[in-house]
Amino acid sequence: MSVERASALTGAYPRGSHLHRLAYTRLREEIVALPHARVFLAFLIAALAVRLVFWLYTGRIWEDGLMALTAARNAWEGFGLTHHASEPRVYCFTSPLSEMVMLAGEAVGQGLLAMRIASLIATVPTLYYAYRISLLFGFGIPALAVLLAYLAFDQLQIFYGMAGMETQIATALAVANAYYFLTSQWRKLGVALGLGLLCRPEFVFWAPLVGIFLLFHDRRALLTVVTISAAVFMPWTALATIYYGSPIPHTISAKSLSFHWMPGTHRWQAIYDYLPNWWHSFAPLREHVMGAPRGVPETAIRAVVILVTLLAAIGAGWLVAQSRRTAAIVLFILIFAAYRTMSLISIYGNWYLVPFLALFFIFVAAGVELIHRHWPRIAIPVAAVVAFCYAVHVPLSFPRERNVQLYTNDAVQTVTGKRLNALMSASDTVVLEPLGYIGWAARNKTIYDSPGIGSKVSTAALLHTHESVWGLAAALRPTFLVMRPRELEELGVAYPDVAKLYQQVDEVKAPPDYQACAWGYCVYGETDLIILKRTQ
């Protein structure tokens, strides 16, 4: 068997090598012998380093991570795996796998630390399986560098994983599923698929694609994958059905009130209005829901999005021509994109998108590789531009994320929660949004949040109104309200009689030296929350 060293100029990689044997090559030997492995190792070290810096410097925690963490804390305190004790058995988290990690950590009061460490660990297989996929298709150094640079430095890849979400684990599982599927490692695919279903509900789109492929090509392998994935996934499904009454997370039911299917022509108009903003979701400096550049021409950002989209399109066509199996990965991405569009899912939920963007960039890298094989002098600058654009946020966004954590998350939302905790008795109730920080600090107080992530009472009330927090306040008339100034204005306009029932008892504002923007980049947070108490 002939073995040829990989070349940065030709993109050649072990011609004549069997893909399955290549898949099992020892990494240590590769690092010594192959430039590709050294590139992988360099980007892996960089990815781990930049995540550690983000964690230790910014201290950032995402709202939804704290919602799941609250349930884990309550489980250990004897209140059940739920957000607050007055509403027991509310399935208030979407990722059972990440909840298990938090539960393990909360055994010693360190659920968030456990989640961050798990995310750091998951960074390794994320880049490793992407590297392995690049070897399967003979990517040269420029294509490999684009793929690994994106996974190492992209803003969403770093932010959600290190801010307490399941995102990095889900991304690792998505890339692992793709790799095991491409290399016919069916037992490992069964495990990865089962874990994927435990980690994110979107893997339900992947399972039938794998099943259909195996039904026509290898029915014995289908039985293997189904049996193993069911053995991994079904115990939790059974437990959730017994404990919560349904295997479907309540978060999905609650968010469907916000990201709902609209009837008739209104729905199609809403989708038409939604589509032009899709590009924000994977645009450098624009993809973070709370972030926005200042002084960077939008035309330049759009040009990068167009470039990576074209690269992905030509890369997908090329890879599908090489291996029909890659068509299943393309379909997985497209099905999710269609679901996201038809359901009108807000950019706020962009952590849903991160695993799919990781798969998408495999095809972006393939596009770079195709250019590299025909016009090598063009491929290197194209790869450099794409990699730079998705990494440039690091010196800009990290200081702003730290600022938001200190001056809004800690100084406004957490303080509001602590004040509510002192004001409320066991029988009091409060309507508010957002839930994460306030719900964590107002320990086990009855919170009716919009859209009802932690409360079935909220969800039931919101079935009759889609007016967000002010409509929920009018429907439930709780003891307390927590509102932003504009929400309080909306309450006064929409429900003046209800607004008259409440009197302001406190207001928490960001410190006067808080600055959302610096060095051409902004990250926004909550700067003003008003606490009101019912007087009648």
Protein backbone atom coordinates (compact mmCIF):
# COMPACT_ATOMS: atom_id res chain seq x y z
CA MET A 1 0.00 0.00 0.00
CA SER A 2 1.50 3.32 -1.02
CA VAL A 3 1.47 6.18 1.43
CA GLU A 4 2.17 9.74 0.32
CA ARG A 5 2.76 12.59 2.74
CA ALA A 6 0.12 15.30 2.77
CA SER A 7 1.05 18.47 0.91
CA ALA A 8 -0.09 21.97 1.71
CA LEU A 9 0.10 22.77 -1.99
CA THR A 10 -1.62 19.78 -3.53
CA GLY A 11 -3.98 18.77 -0.74
CA ALA A 12 -2.98 15.15 -1.34
CA TYR A 13 -3.39 12.81 1.59
CA PRO A 14 -2.40 9.11 1.91
CA ARG A 15 -3.52 8.01 -1.55
CA GLY A 16 -4.41 4.36 -1.65
CA SER A 17 -5.06 4.25 2.09
CA HIS A 18 -8.29 2.61 3.14
CA LEU A 19 -10.58 5.09 4.90
CA HIS A 20 -11.36 2.74 7.76
CA ARG A 21 -7.69 2.00 8.41
CA LEU A 22 -6.97 5.72 8.21
CA ALA A 23 -9.67 6.35 10.79
CA TYR A 24 -7.79 4.28 13.34
CA THR A 25 -4.32 5.74 12.74
CA ARG A 26 -2.67 6.67 16.00
CA LEU A 27 -2.74 10.42 16.58
CA ARG A 28 0.73 10.48 18.15
CA GLU A 29 2.27 9.01 15.01
CA GLU A 30 0.37 11.49 12.86
CA ILE A 31 1.61 14.47 14.86
CA VAL A 32 5.18 13.36 14.22
CA ALA A 33 4.69 12.52 10.54
CA LEU A 34 1.93 14.72 9.16
CA PRO A 35 1.51 18.50 8.92
CA HIS A 36 -2.27 18.07 9.13
CA ALA A 37 -1.98 16.60 12.62
CA ARG A 38 0.27 19.44 13.75
CA VAL A 39 -2.27 21.96 12.45
CA PHE A 40 -4.98 20.11 14.37
CA LEU A 41 -2.93 20.15 17.57
CA ALA A 42 -2.18 23.88 17.22
CA PHE A 43 -5.85 24.77 16.74
CA LEU A 44 -6.92 22.48 19.58
CA ILE A 45 -4.54 24.20 22.00
CA ALA A 46 -5.77 27.59 20.75
CA ALA A 47 -9.43 26.55 21.13
CA LEU A 48 -8.93 25.40 24.71
CA ALA A 49 -6.90 28.51 25.56
CA VAL A 50 -9.43 30.97 24.16
CA ARG A 51 -12.28 29.25 26.00
CA LEU A 52 -10.37 29.34 29.27
CA VAL A 53 -9.68 33.04 28.77
CA PHE A 54 -13.35 33.69 28.03
CA TRP A 55 -14.45 31.78 31.14
CA LEU A 56 -11.91 33.25 33.55
CA TYR A 57 -11.93 36.80 32.19
CA THR A 58 -15.62 37.38 31.45
CA GLY A 59 -17.33 35.04 33.94
CA ARG A 60 -20.25 35.05 31.50
CA ILE A 61 -23.35 32.98 32.32
CA TRP A 62 -26.26 32.68 29.89
CA GLU A 63 -29.82 33.02 31.20
CA ASP A 64 -31.02 29.62 30.03
CA GLY A 65 -28.09 27.85 31.64
CA LEU A 66 -29.14 29.26 35.01
CA MET A 67 -32.72 28.05 34.50
CA ALA A 68 -31.46 24.48 34.13
CA LEU A 69 -29.03 24.95 37.01
CA THR A 70 -31.86 26.08 39.30
CA ALA A 71 -33.65 22.77 38.74
CA ALA A 72 -30.47 20.83 39.55
CA ARG A 73 -30.03 22.79 42.78
CA ASN A 74 -33.65 22.17 43.74
CA ALA A 75 -33.25 18.44 43.18
CA TRP A 76 -30.43 18.27 45.71
CA GLU A 77 -32.35 20.48 48.15
CA GLY A 78 -35.29 18.09 48.10
CA PHE A 79 -37.74 20.13 46.01
CA GLY A 80 -37.58 17.93 42.93
CA LEU A 81 -36.10 18.43 39.49
CA THR A 82 -38.15 21.56 38.83
CA HIS A 83 -37.70 25.34 38.81
CA HIS A 84 -39.64 26.20 41.98
CA ALA A 85 -41.23 24.12 44.69
CA SER A 86 -44.78 25.46 44.28
CA GLU A 87 -44.94 23.91 40.78
CA PRO A 88 -43.38 20.48 41.21
CA ARG A 89 -42.38 18.31 38.29
CA VAL A 90 -42.11 20.94 35.56
CA TYR A 91 -39.71 19.70 32.86
CA CYS A 92 -37.95 23.08 32.73
CA PHE A 93 -34.81 22.17 30.75
CA THR A 94 -34.34 21.04 27.17
CA SER A 95 -31.14 19.01 27.44
CA PRO A 96 -31.32 15.99 29.77
CA LEU A 97 -27.64 15.29 29.13
CA SER A 98 -26.50 18.72 30.30
CA GLU A 99 -28.88 18.48 33.26
CA MET A 100 -27.17 15.24 34.28
CA VAL A 101 -23.83 17.06 34.20
CA MET A 102 -25.24 19.86 36.35
CA LEU A 103 -26.82 17.39 38.76
CA ALA A 104 -23.47 15.69 39.21
CA GLY A 105 -21.80 19.03 39.88
CA GLU A 106 -24.53 20.25 42.22
CA ALA A 107 -23.79 17.28 44.48
CA VAL A 108 -21.00 19.55 45.75
CA GLY A 109 -22.66 22.85 44.83
CA GLN A 110 -20.71 23.25 41.59
CA GLY A 111 -23.15 22.55 38.77
CA LEU A 112 -21.99 25.46 36.64
CA LEU A 113 -18.34 24.51 37.09
CA ALA A 114 -19.16 20.95 36.01
CA MET A 115 -20.91 22.26 32.90
CA ARG A 116 -17.99 24.48 31.95
CA ILE A 117 -15.47 21.69 32.45
CA ALA A 118 -17.66 19.37 30.36
CA SER A 119 -17.73 22.01 27.61
CA LEU A 120 -13.95 22.31 27.69
CA ILE A 121 -13.62 18.55 27.41
CA ALA A 122 -16.17 18.47 24.55
CA THR A 123 -14.01 20.95 22.62
CA VAL A 124 -11.48 18.16 22.08
CA PRO A 125 -13.78 15.72 20.21
CA THR A 126 -15.37 18.63 18.33
CA LEU A 127 -12.09 19.52 16.67
CA TYR A 128 -10.83 15.94 16.56
CA TYR A 129 -13.77 14.56 14.60
CA ALA A 130 -13.71 17.57 12.27
CA TYR A 131 -10.02 16.87 11.67
CA ARG A 132 -10.78 13.19 10.96
CA ILE A 133 -13.51 14.12 8.49
CA SER A 134 -11.05 16.42 6.72
CA LEU A 135 -8.66 13.47 6.34
CA LEU A 136 -11.41 11.26 4.93
CA PHE A 137 -11.89 13.68 2.05
CA GLY A 138 -8.23 14.56 1.59
CA PHE A 139 -8.47 18.20 2.58
CA GLY A 140 -5.28 20.20 2.29
CA ILE A 141 -3.96 22.57 4.93
CA PRO A 142 -6.00 25.65 3.89
CA ALA A 143 -9.32 23.78 4.04
CA LEU A 144 -8.41 22.12 7.34
CA ALA A 145 -7.35 25.47 8.78
CA VAL A 146 -10.65 27.13 7.83
CA LEU A 147 -12.67 24.37 9.48
CA LEU A 148 -10.63 24.23 12.68
CA ALA A 149 -10.29 28.02 12.93
CA TYR A 150 -14.06 28.36 12.80
CA LEU A 151 -14.61 25.71 15.47
CA ALA A 152 -11.86 27.17 17.65
CA PHE A 153 -12.66 30.88 17.46
CA ASP A 154 -16.23 31.48 16.29
CA GLN A 155 -18.18 33.65 18.71
CA LEU A 156 -21.16 31.33 19.16
CA GLN A 157 -18.93 28.26 19.48
CA ILE A 158 -17.10 29.92 22.39
CA PHE A 159 -19.90 31.87 24.04
CA TYR A 160 -22.67 29.35 24.56
CA GLY A 161 -20.39 26.48 25.52
CA MET A 162 -18.54 28.42 28.19
CA ALA A 163 -21.61 30.31 29.46
CA GLY A 164 -23.27 27.23 30.95
CA MET A 165 -25.15 25.80 27.97
CA GLU A 166 -25.04 22.33 26.40
CA THR A 167 -23.92 23.77 23.07
CA GLN A 168 -20.33 22.52 22.95
CA ILE A 169 -21.42 19.00 23.89
CA ALA A 170 -24.13 19.06 21.22
CA THR A 171 -21.62 20.28 18.64
CA ALA A 172 -19.16 17.52 19.52
CA LEU A 173 -21.94 14.96 19.18
CA ALA A 174 -23.09 16.38 15.83
CA VAL A 175 -19.60 16.13 14.33
CA ALA A 176 -19.08 12.68 15.91
CA ASN A 177 -22.36 11.47 14.40
CA ALA A 178 -21.24 12.68 10.98
CA TYR A 179 -17.85 10.99 11.32
CA TYR A 180 -19.16 7.63 12.52
CA PHE A 181 -21.82 7.67 9.80
CA LEU A 182 -19.25 8.39 7.09
CA THR A 183 -16.90 5.64 8.35
CA SER A 184 -19.56 2.95 8.98
CA GLN A 185 -18.75 2.65 12.68
CA TRP A 186 -22.29 1.61 13.51
CA ARG A 187 -21.95 0.76 17.21
CA LYS A 188 -20.28 4.07 17.92
CA LEU A 189 -22.88 5.81 15.79
CA GLY A 190 -25.61 4.23 17.92
CA VAL A 191 -24.01 5.61 21.09
CA ALA A 192 -23.43 9.05 19.54
CA LEU A 193 -26.99 9.20 18.20
CA GLY A 194 -28.47 8.21 21.56
CA LEU A 195 -26.38 10.85 23.35
CA GLY A 196 -27.34 13.40 20.70
CA LEU A 197 -31.04 12.78 21.33
CA LEU A 198 -30.38 13.24 25.05
CA CYS A 199 -28.50 16.46 24.39
CA ARG A 200 -30.67 18.36 21.90
CA PRO A 201 -34.12 17.60 20.44
CA GLU A 202 -32.96 18.61 16.95
CA PHE A 203 -31.20 15.25 16.63
CA VAL A 204 -34.67 13.85 15.99
CA PHE A 205 -34.16 15.14 12.42
CA TRP A 206 -30.95 13.11 12.08
CA ALA A 207 -32.26 9.77 13.32
CA PRO A 208 -34.66 9.11 10.39
CA LEU A 209 -32.01 10.13 7.84
CA VAL A 210 -29.65 7.53 9.26
CA GLY A 211 -32.50 5.02 9.41
CA ILE A 212 -33.57 5.54 5.80
CA PHE A 213 -30.00 5.24 4.54
CA LEU A 214 -29.38 2.01 6.44
CA LEU A 215 -32.77 0.57 5.51
CA PHE A 216 -31.69 0.57 1.87
CA HIS A 217 -27.99 -0.18 2.32
CA ASP A 218 -27.37 -2.23 5.47
CA ARG A 219 -30.35 -3.52 7.45
CA ARG A 220 -28.19 -5.38 9.93
CA ALA A 221 -26.41 -2.11 10.74
CA LEU A 222 -29.82 -0.45 11.12
CA LEU A 223 -30.72 -2.91 13.84
CA THR A 224 -27.40 -2.24 15.58
CA VAL A 225 -27.82 1.54 15.51
CA VAL A 226 -31.46 1.45 16.62
CA THR A 227 -30.78 -0.99 19.45
CA ILE A 228 -27.80 0.88 20.87
CA SER A 229 -29.25 4.38 20.49
CA ALA A 230 -32.50 3.23 22.12
CA ALA A 231 -30.53 1.70 25.00
CA VAL A 232 -28.87 5.08 25.56
CA PHE A 233 -31.91 7.29 25.06
CA MET A 234 -34.94 5.32 26.22
CA PRO A 235 -34.17 5.05 29.97
CA TRP A 236 -34.40 8.83 30.30
CA THR A 237 -37.51 8.91 28.11
CA ALA A 238 -39.21 6.39 30.39
CA LEU A 239 -38.10 8.22 33.53
CA ALA A 240 -39.27 11.60 32.21
CA THR A 241 -42.65 10.14 31.24
CA ILE A 242 -43.10 8.70 34.73
CA TYR A 243 -41.81 11.76 36.59
CA TYR A 244 -43.13 14.62 34.43
CA GLY A 245 -46.01 12.90 32.66
CA SER A 246 -44.42 13.48 29.24
CA PRO A 247 -41.06 12.83 27.57
CA ILE A 248 -41.29 16.22 25.82
CA PRO A 249 -39.59 19.09 27.70
CA HIS A 250 -41.96 21.78 28.93
CA THR A 251 -39.51 24.30 27.48
CA ILE A 252 -40.58 23.20 23.99
CA SER A 253 -44.26 23.70 24.81
CA ALA A 254 -43.55 27.09 26.36
CA LYS A 255 -41.34 28.39 23.57
CA SER A 256 -43.87 27.27 20.98
CA LEU A 257 -46.03 30.12 22.27
CA SER A 258 -43.36 32.54 21.12
CA PHE A 259 -42.06 30.65 18.08
CA HIS A 260 -45.46 29.53 16.89
CA TRP A 261 -46.89 28.48 13.55
CA MET A 262 -49.03 31.31 12.25
CA PRO A 263 -52.22 30.51 10.32
CA GLY A 264 -53.00 31.36 6.72
CA THR A 265 -51.51 34.31 4.88
CA HIS A 266 -50.20 35.88 8.10
CA ARG A 267 -47.87 32.93 8.55
CA TRP A 268 -46.45 33.16 5.05
CA GLN A 269 -45.99 36.92 5.38
CA ALA A 270 -44.17 36.36 8.67
CA ILE A 271 -41.88 33.80 7.01
CA TYR A 272 -41.25 36.20 4.13
CA ASP A 273 -40.27 38.89 6.63
CA TYR A 274 -38.11 36.41 8.57
CA LEU A 275 -35.98 35.16 5.69
CA PRO A 276 -33.99 38.36 4.97
CA ASN A 277 -32.60 38.30 8.52
CA TRP A 278 -31.33 34.70 8.33
CA TRP A 279 -27.86 35.89 7.38
CA HIS A 280 -27.40 37.53 10.81
CA SER A 281 -27.34 34.07 12.39
CA PHE A 282 -23.94 33.15 10.97
CA ALA A 283 -22.49 36.56 10.16
CA PRO A 284 -19.23 37.45 11.91
CA LEU A 285 -19.78 40.11 14.59
CA ARG A 286 -23.57 39.88 14.07
CA GLU A 287 -24.41 36.30 15.08
CA HIS A 288 -24.57 36.93 18.84
CA VAL A 289 -28.08 38.08 19.72
CA MET A 290 -26.85 40.67 22.23
CA GLY A 291 -23.90 41.84 20.13
CA ALA A 292 -23.53 44.29 17.26
CA PRO A 293 -20.57 45.95 15.52
CA ARG A 294 -20.23 49.71 15.19
CA GLY A 295 -18.33 51.25 12.33
CA VAL A 296 -18.03 48.00 10.37
CA PRO A 297 -19.80 48.34 6.99
CA GLU A 298 -22.73 45.95 6.77
CA THR A 299 -21.81 45.39 3.13
CA ALA A 300 -18.50 43.85 4.23
CA ILE A 301 -20.21 41.51 6.70
CA ARG A 302 -22.76 40.48 4.07
CA ALA A 303 -19.92 39.78 1.65
CA VAL A 304 -18.39 37.31 4.11
CA VAL A 305 -21.75 35.56 4.53
CA ILE A 306 -22.17 35.33 0.76
CA LEU A 307 -18.63 33.98 0.43
CA VAL A 308 -19.07 31.19 3.01
CA THR A 309 -22.49 30.31 1.58
CA LEU A 310 -21.05 29.94 -1.92
CA LEU A 311 -18.13 27.91 -0.57
CA ALA A 312 -20.55 25.64 1.29
CA ALA A 313 -22.71 25.19 -1.80
CA ILE A 314 -19.86 24.17 -4.09
CA GLY A 315 -18.28 22.13 -1.32
CA ALA A 316 -21.51 20.24 -0.67
CA GLY A 317 -21.92 19.48 -4.37
CA TRP A 318 -18.37 18.17 -4.56
CA LEU A 319 -18.58 16.00 -1.42
CA VAL A 320 -21.95 14.53 -2.37
CA ALA A 321 -20.46 13.59 -5.74
CA GLN A 322 -17.66 11.77 -3.85
CA SER A 323 -19.88 10.07 -1.30
CA ARG A 324 -23.66 9.84 -1.29
CA ARG A 325 -23.57 9.59 2.48
CA THR A 326 -22.72 13.26 2.75
CA ALA A 327 -26.14 14.00 1.25
CA ALA A 328 -27.65 12.89 4.58
CA ILE A 329 -25.57 15.53 6.40
CA VAL A 330 -26.64 18.18 3.89
CA LEU A 331 -30.28 17.17 4.39
CA PHE A 332 -29.86 17.35 8.18
CA ILE A 333 -28.73 20.96 7.86
CA LEU A 334 -31.47 21.87 5.38
CA ILE A 335 -34.25 20.23 7.40
CA PHE A 336 -33.21 22.17 10.48
CA ALA A 337 -33.03 25.40 8.47
CA ALA A 338 -36.55 24.79 7.16
CA TYR A 339 -37.84 23.99 10.66
CA ARG A 340 -36.21 27.12 12.08
CA THR A 341 -37.73 29.25 9.34
CA MET A 342 -41.22 27.77 9.41
CA SER A 343 -41.31 28.01 13.21
CA LEU A 344 -40.01 31.60 13.14
CA ILE A 345 -37.42 30.86 15.81
CA SER A 346 -35.85 34.07 17.04
CA ILE A 347 -32.13 34.77 16.78
CA TYR A 348 -32.25 34.73 20.60
CA GLY A 349 -32.21 30.94 20.37
CA ASN A 350 -29.04 30.82 18.28
CA TRP A 351 -27.48 28.12 20.45
CA TYR A 352 -29.84 25.74 18.60
CA LEU A 353 -27.95 26.61 15.43
CA VAL A 354 -24.36 26.07 16.58
CA PRO A 355 -24.06 22.28 15.92
CA PHE A 356 -25.49 22.79 12.44
CA LEU A 357 -23.04 25.59 11.71
CA ALA A 358 -20.21 23.24 12.67
CA LEU A 359 -21.48 20.77 10.05
CA PHE A 360 -22.06 23.61 7.59
CA PHE A 361 -18.41 24.62 7.88
CA ILE A 362 -17.30 21.15 6.85
CA PHE A 363 -18.79 22.03 3.48
CA VAL A 364 -17.29 25.53 3.58
CA ALA A 365 -13.92 23.85 4.04
CA ALA A 366 -14.72 21.50 1.15
CA GLY A 367 -15.36 24.54 -1.02
CA VAL A 368 -11.96 25.93 -0.05
CA GLU A 369 -10.40 22.55 -0.87
CA LEU A 370 -11.99 22.46 -4.31
CA ILE A 371 -10.59 25.92 -5.07
CA HIS A 372 -7.24 24.83 -3.67
CA ARG A 373 -7.02 21.92 -6.09
CA HIS A 374 -7.60 24.16 -9.10
CA TRP A 375 -6.30 27.59 -8.03
CA PRO A 376 -4.02 27.09 -5.01
CA ARG A 377 -2.89 30.73 -4.95
CA ILE A 378 -6.50 31.86 -4.50
CA ALA A 379 -7.44 29.30 -1.85
CA ILE A 380 -4.93 30.44 0.76
CA PRO A 381 -6.09 34.09 0.92
CA VAL A 382 -9.74 32.98 0.82
CA ALA A 383 -9.12 30.66 3.75
CA ALA A 384 -7.24 33.38 5.63
CA VAL A 385 -10.05 35.91 5.14
CA VAL A 386 -12.76 33.52 6.35
CA ALA A 387 -10.72 32.41 9.36
CA PHE A 388 -9.85 35.99 10.30
CA CYS A 389 -13.43 37.23 10.01
CA TYR A 390 -14.75 34.59 12.42
CA ALA A 391 -11.91 35.13 14.90
CA VAL A 392 -11.72 38.93 14.88
CA HIS A 393 -14.43 39.28 17.53
CA VAL A 394 -12.19 37.89 20.32
CA PRO A 395 -10.41 41.13 21.35
CA LEU A 396 -13.61 43.10 20.72
CA SER A 397 -16.30 40.94 22.32
CA PHE A 398 -14.51 39.57 25.39
CA PRO A 399 -14.19 42.96 27.20
CA ARG A 400 -17.84 43.75 26.37
CA GLU A 401 -19.01 40.35 27.65
CA ARG A 402 -17.17 40.95 30.92
CA ASN A 403 -18.78 44.38 31.12
CA VAL A 404 -22.27 42.97 30.60
CA GLN A 405 -21.73 40.27 33.21
CA LEU A 406 -20.56 42.72 35.86
CA TYR A 407 -22.80 45.70 35.15
CA THR A 408 -26.07 44.12 34.02
CA ASN A 409 -26.24 40.39 34.83
CA ASP A 410 -24.74 40.78 38.30
CA ALA A 411 -25.61 44.38 39.15
CA VAL A 412 -29.16 44.45 37.74
CA GLN A 413 -30.68 40.99 37.26
CA THR A 414 -29.07 39.21 40.21
CA VAL A 415 -29.69 42.17 42.52
CA THR A 416 -33.34 42.26 41.38
CA GLY A 417 -33.66 38.57 42.24
CA LYS A 418 -32.16 39.09 45.69
CA ARG A 419 -34.50 41.98 46.43
CA LEU A 420 -37.47 39.92 45.31
CA ASN A 421 -36.27 37.13 47.54
CA ALA A 422 -36.39 39.53 50.50
CA LEU A 423 -39.74 41.08 49.55
CA MET A 424 -41.73 37.93 48.75
CA SER A 425 -43.32 35.54 51.20
CA ALA A 426 -43.98 31.88 50.48
CA SER A 427 -47.52 32.67 49.29
CA ASP A 428 -46.57 35.57 47.01
CA THR A 429 -46.25 35.32 43.23
CA VAL A 430 -44.44 37.36 40.60
CA VAL A 431 -44.66 37.77 36.82
CA LEU A 432 -41.44 38.59 34.99
CA GLU A 433 -39.11 37.99 32.08
CA PRO A 434 -36.27 36.98 31.85
CA LEU A 435 -36.24 34.09 34.31
CA GLY A 436 -32.61 32.94 34.61
CA TYR A 437 -30.75 35.24 36.98
CA ILE A 438 -33.80 36.43 38.90
CA GLY A 439 -35.13 32.90 39.36
CA TRP A 440 -31.73 31.74 40.60
CA ALA A 441 -31.46 34.53 43.20
CA ALA A 442 -35.14 34.53 44.29
CA ARG A 443 -34.80 31.05 45.70
CA ASN A 444 -37.91 28.93 45.19
CA LYS A 445 -40.26 31.87 44.96
CA THR A 446 -43.32 31.28 42.76
CA ILE A 447 -42.39 32.87 39.44
CA TYR A 448 -44.74 33.04 36.49
CA ASP A 449 -42.32 33.77 33.67
CA SER A 450 -42.99 34.59 30.06
CA PRO A 451 -43.18 32.36 28.03
CA GLY A 452 -43.49 29.84 30.87
CA ILE A 453 -40.15 28.02 30.82
CA GLY A 454 -40.45 27.19 34.51
CA SER A 455 -44.21 27.43 34.98
CA LYS A 456 -47.18 25.52 33.60
CA VAL A 457 -49.45 28.21 35.08
CA SER A 458 -47.78 30.77 32.81
CA THR A 459 -48.05 28.56 29.76
CA ALA A 460 -51.75 27.94 30.36
CA ALA A 461 -52.39 31.67 30.77
CA LEU A 462 -50.41 32.58 27.66
CA LEU A 463 -52.53 30.26 25.53
CA HIS A 464 -55.11 33.03 25.66
CA THR A 465 -52.78 35.98 25.08
CA HIS A 466 -49.65 36.51 22.97
CA GLU A 467 -48.83 39.91 24.50
CA SER A 468 -45.83 38.71 26.46
CA VAL A 469 -45.18 39.79 30.02
CA TRP A 470 -47.84 42.53 30.25
CA GLY A 471 -50.55 40.20 28.95
CA LEU A 472 -49.44 37.56 31.44
CA ALA A 473 -49.56 40.15 34.23
CA ALA A 474 -53.11 41.09 33.27
CA ALA A 475 -54.19 37.44 33.14
CA LEU A 476 -52.66 36.36 36.47
CA ARG A 477 -52.51 39.60 38.51
CA PRO A 478 -49.71 38.35 40.75
CA THR A 479 -48.49 39.90 44.00
CA PHE A 480 -45.41 41.37 42.30
CA LEU A 481 -44.31 42.39 38.82
CA VAL A 482 -40.80 42.85 37.46
CA MET A 483 -40.83 44.89 34.26
CA ARG A 484 -38.61 46.86 31.98
CA PRO A 485 -39.76 50.49 31.58
CA ARG A 486 -41.16 49.84 28.09
CA GLU A 487 -43.11 46.81 29.35
CA LEU A 488 -44.62 48.91 32.12
CA GLU A 489 -45.69 51.43 29.50
CA GLU A 490 -47.26 48.64 27.43
CA LEU A 491 -49.17 47.43 30.50
CA GLY A 492 -50.51 50.94 31.08
CA VAL A 493 -51.64 51.26 27.46
CA ALA A 494 -53.10 47.77 27.01
CA TYR A 495 -54.50 47.24 30.52
CA PRO A 496 -54.80 50.57 32.35
CA ASP A 497 -57.10 49.11 35.02
CA VAL A 498 -54.54 46.42 35.84
CA ALA A 499 -51.67 48.93 35.88
CA LYS A 500 -53.51 50.94 38.54
CA LEU A 501 -53.42 47.95 40.89
CA TYR A 502 -49.61 48.11 41.18
CA GLN A 503 -47.20 50.50 42.85
CA GLN A 504 -43.46 50.68 42.33
CA VAL A 505 -41.48 49.47 45.35
CA ASP A 506 -37.99 49.31 43.87
CA GLU A 507 -35.95 49.93 40.74
CA VAL A 508 -32.57 48.45 39.89
CA LYS A 509 -30.41 50.21 37.31
CA ALA A 510 -27.00 49.54 35.83
CA PRO A 511 -24.20 51.66 37.31
CA PRO A 512 -23.73 55.01 35.54
CA ASP A 513 -20.28 54.02 34.25
CA TYR A 514 -21.71 51.05 32.32
CA GLN A 515 -20.82 51.21 28.63
CA ALA A 516 -22.34 48.77 26.16
CA CYS A 517 -19.98 49.77 23.35
CA ALA A 518 -16.23 50.16 22.98
CA TRP A 519 -13.67 49.65 20.22
CA GLY A 520 -16.34 49.30 17.56
CA TYR A 521 -18.34 46.53 19.22
CA CYS A 522 -21.38 46.46 21.51
CA VAL A 523 -22.91 43.84 23.78
CA TYR A 524 -26.20 44.81 25.38
CA GLY A 525 -27.81 43.69 28.62
CA GLU A 526 -30.60 44.55 31.05
CA THR A 527 -30.01 48.05 32.41
CA ASP A 528 -33.27 48.91 34.20
CA LEU A 529 -35.75 46.64 36.01
CA ILE A 530 -38.70 47.90 38.04
CA ILE A 531 -40.31 45.94 40.88
CA LEU A 532 -43.99 46.64 41.52
CA LYS A 533 -46.34 45.33 44.20
CA ARG A 534 -50.09 44.91 43.98
CA THR A 535 -51.85 47.30 46.35
CA GLN A 536 -55.43 46.12 45.82
